[in-house]
């Protein structure tokens, strides 16, 4: 499992999800060949305004444990504020 996390300045989070999946495609193939395991990319993308893709819930269900979108967005806002005001 390869988790690709990004905070997009734009609202087009679906486009960013596709970019992340394509970006790591070769890495996943190499992981699968090297270790003979099944692997997939899980994009976790949020827009700067709190926009998330409808598919985020489905992607999060592939990650073990309990994940609440609202909690992730709170953490994202804190991270964004910290890195934009430095």
C-alpha atoms as a PDB file:
ATOM      1  CA  UNK A   1       0.000   0.000   0.000  1.00  0.00           C
ATOM      2  CA  UNK A   2       1.403   3.354  -1.048  1.00  0.00           C
ATOM      3  CA  UNK A   3      -0.398   6.331   0.489  1.00  0.00           C
ATOM      4  CA  UNK A   4       0.030   9.571  -1.454  1.00  0.00           C
ATOM      5  CA  UNK A   5      -1.047  12.616   0.559  1.00  0.00           C
ATOM      6  CA  UNK A   6      -1.417  16.106  -0.906  1.00  0.00           C
ATOM      7  CA  UNK A   7      -3.020  19.425  -0.141  1.00  0.00           C
ATOM      8  CA  UNK A   8      -4.088  21.106  -3.335  1.00  0.00           C
ATOM      9  CA  UNK A   9      -4.324  24.870  -3.599  1.00  0.00           C
ATOM     10  CA  UNK A  10      -7.058  24.397  -6.153  1.00  0.00           C
ATOM     11  CA  UNK A  11     -10.466  22.807  -5.945  1.00  0.00           C
ATOM     12  CA  UNK A  12      -9.757  20.176  -8.592  1.00  0.00           C
ATOM     13  CA  UNK A  13      -8.920  17.356  -6.195  1.00  0.00           C
ATOM     14  CA  UNK A  14     -10.029  14.651  -8.645  1.00  0.00           C
ATOM     15  CA  UNK A  15      -7.359  15.751 -11.102  1.00  0.00           C
ATOM     16  CA  UNK A  16      -4.764  15.634  -8.309  1.00  0.00           C
ATOM     17  CA  UNK A  17      -5.881  12.094  -7.372  1.00  0.00           C
ATOM     18  CA  UNK A  18      -5.326  10.933 -10.942  1.00  0.00           C
ATOM     19  CA  UNK A  19      -1.911  12.638 -11.028  1.00  0.00           C
ATOM     20  CA  UNK A  20      -0.836  10.813  -7.855  1.00  0.00           C
ATOM     21  CA  UNK A  21      -2.030   7.428  -9.143  1.00  0.00           C
ATOM     22  CA  UNK A  22      -0.174   7.900 -12.438  1.00  0.00           C
ATOM     23  CA  UNK A  23       2.936   9.287 -10.715  1.00  0.00           C
ATOM     24  CA  UNK A  24       3.394   6.159  -8.602  1.00  0.00           C
ATOM     25  CA  UNK A  25       2.315   3.587 -11.195  1.00  0.00           C
ATOM     26  CA  UNK A  26       5.886   2.528 -12.027  1.00  0.00           C
ATOM     27  CA  UNK A  27       6.835   2.375  -8.344  1.00  0.00           C
ATOM     28  CA  UNK A  28       3.904   0.048  -7.650  1.00  0.00           C
ATOM     29  CA  UNK A  29       4.863  -2.232 -10.521  1.00  0.00           C
ATOM     30  CA  UNK A  30       8.412  -2.407  -9.160  1.00  0.00           C
ATOM     31  CA  UNK A  31       7.153  -3.178  -5.638  1.00  0.00           C
ATOM     32  CA  UNK A  32       4.915  -5.940  -6.980  1.00  0.00           C
ATOM     33  CA  UNK A  33       7.729  -7.494  -9.014  1.00  0.00           C
ATOM     34  CA  UNK A  34      10.391  -7.206  -6.328  1.00  0.00           C
ATOM     35  CA  UNK A  35       8.415  -8.524  -3.355  1.00  0.00           C
ATOM     36  CA  UNK A  36       5.749 -10.523  -5.183  1.00  0.00           C
ATOM     37  CA  UNK A  37       2.938  -8.705  -3.372  1.00  0.00           C
ATOM     38  CA  UNK A  38      -0.214  -6.943  -4.447  1.00  0.00           C
ATOM     39  CA  UNK A  39       0.048  -3.162  -4.050  1.00  0.00           C
ATOM     40  CA  UNK A  40      -2.041  -0.105  -4.802  1.00  0.00           C
ATOM     41  CA  UNK A  41      -1.823   3.656  -4.508  1.00  0.00           C
ATOM     42  CA  UNK A  42      -4.229   5.323  -2.121  1.00  0.00           C
ATOM     43  CA  UNK A  43      -4.495   9.051  -2.874  1.00  0.00           C
ATOM     44  CA  UNK A  44      -5.561  11.169   0.095  1.00  0.00           C
ATOM     45  CA  UNK A  45      -6.118  14.629  -1.383  1.00  0.00           C
ATOM     46  CA  UNK A  46      -7.797  17.679   0.143  1.00  0.00           C
ATOM     47  CA  UNK A  47      -8.277  21.094  -1.369  1.00  0.00           C
ATOM     48  CA  UNK A  48      -7.129  24.184   0.497  1.00  0.00           C
ATOM     49  CA  UNK A  49     -10.779  25.148   1.016  1.00  0.00           C
ATOM     50  CA  UNK A  50     -11.679  21.745   2.466  1.00  0.00           C
ATOM     51  CA  UNK A  51     -12.806  20.214  -0.812  1.00  0.00           C
ATOM     52  CA  UNK A  52     -12.462  16.436  -1.000  1.00  0.00           C
ATOM     53  CA  UNK A  53     -13.369  13.986  -3.747  1.00  0.00           C
ATOM     54  CA  UNK A  54     -16.350  11.704  -3.287  1.00  0.00           C
ATOM     55  CA  UNK A  55     -13.948   8.773  -3.637  1.00  0.00           C
ATOM     56  CA  UNK A  56     -11.951   9.749  -0.512  1.00  0.00           C
ATOM     57  CA  UNK A  57     -14.157   7.678   1.790  1.00  0.00           C
ATOM     58  CA  UNK A  58     -13.609   4.619  -0.410  1.00  0.00           C
ATOM     59  CA  UNK A  59      -9.844   5.152  -0.459  1.00  0.00           C
ATOM     60  CA  UNK A  60      -9.719   5.613   3.327  1.00  0.00           C
ATOM     61  CA  UNK A  61     -11.555   2.320   3.818  1.00  0.00           C
ATOM     62  CA  UNK A  62      -8.495   0.581   2.310  1.00  0.00           C
ATOM     63  CA  UNK A  63      -6.270   1.894   5.111  1.00  0.00           C
ATOM     64  CA  UNK A  64      -6.443  -0.137   8.343  1.00  0.00           C
ATOM     65  CA  UNK A  65      -8.001   1.649  11.310  1.00  0.00           C
ATOM     66  CA  UNK A  66     -10.733   4.224  11.683  1.00  0.00           C
ATOM     67  CA  UNK A  67     -10.428   7.452   9.697  1.00  0.00           C
ATOM     68  CA  UNK A  68     -12.847  10.355   9.882  1.00  0.00           C
ATOM     69  CA  UNK A  69     -12.794  12.861   7.042  1.00  0.00           C
ATOM     70  CA  UNK A  70     -13.650  15.765   9.372  1.00  0.00           C
ATOM     71  CA  UNK A  71     -10.661  14.955  11.589  1.00  0.00           C
ATOM     72  CA  UNK A  72      -8.340  14.763   8.595  1.00  0.00           C
ATOM     73  CA  UNK A  73      -9.577  18.148   7.391  1.00  0.00           C
ATOM     74  CA  UNK A  74      -8.920  19.700  10.814  1.00  0.00           C
ATOM     75  CA  UNK A  75      -5.341  18.425  10.695  1.00  0.00           C
ATOM     76  CA  UNK A  76      -5.009  19.670   7.121  1.00  0.00           C
ATOM     77  CA  UNK A  77      -6.143  23.169   8.114  1.00  0.00           C
ATOM     78  CA  UNK A  78      -3.580  23.291  10.925  1.00  0.00           C
ATOM     79  CA  UNK A  79      -0.828  22.137   8.571  1.00  0.00           C
ATOM     80  CA  UNK A  80      -1.878  24.621   5.891  1.00  0.00           C
ATOM     81  CA  UNK A  81      -1.948  27.538   8.346  1.00  0.00           C
ATOM     82  CA  UNK A  82       1.477  26.620   9.697  1.00  0.00           C
ATOM     83  CA  UNK A  83       3.109  26.432   6.264  1.00  0.00           C
ATOM     84  CA  UNK A  84       1.486  29.473   4.685  1.00  0.00           C
ATOM     85  CA  UNK A  85       2.311  31.886   7.520  1.00  0.00           C
ATOM     86  CA  UNK A  86       5.984  30.973   7.996  1.00  0.00           C
END
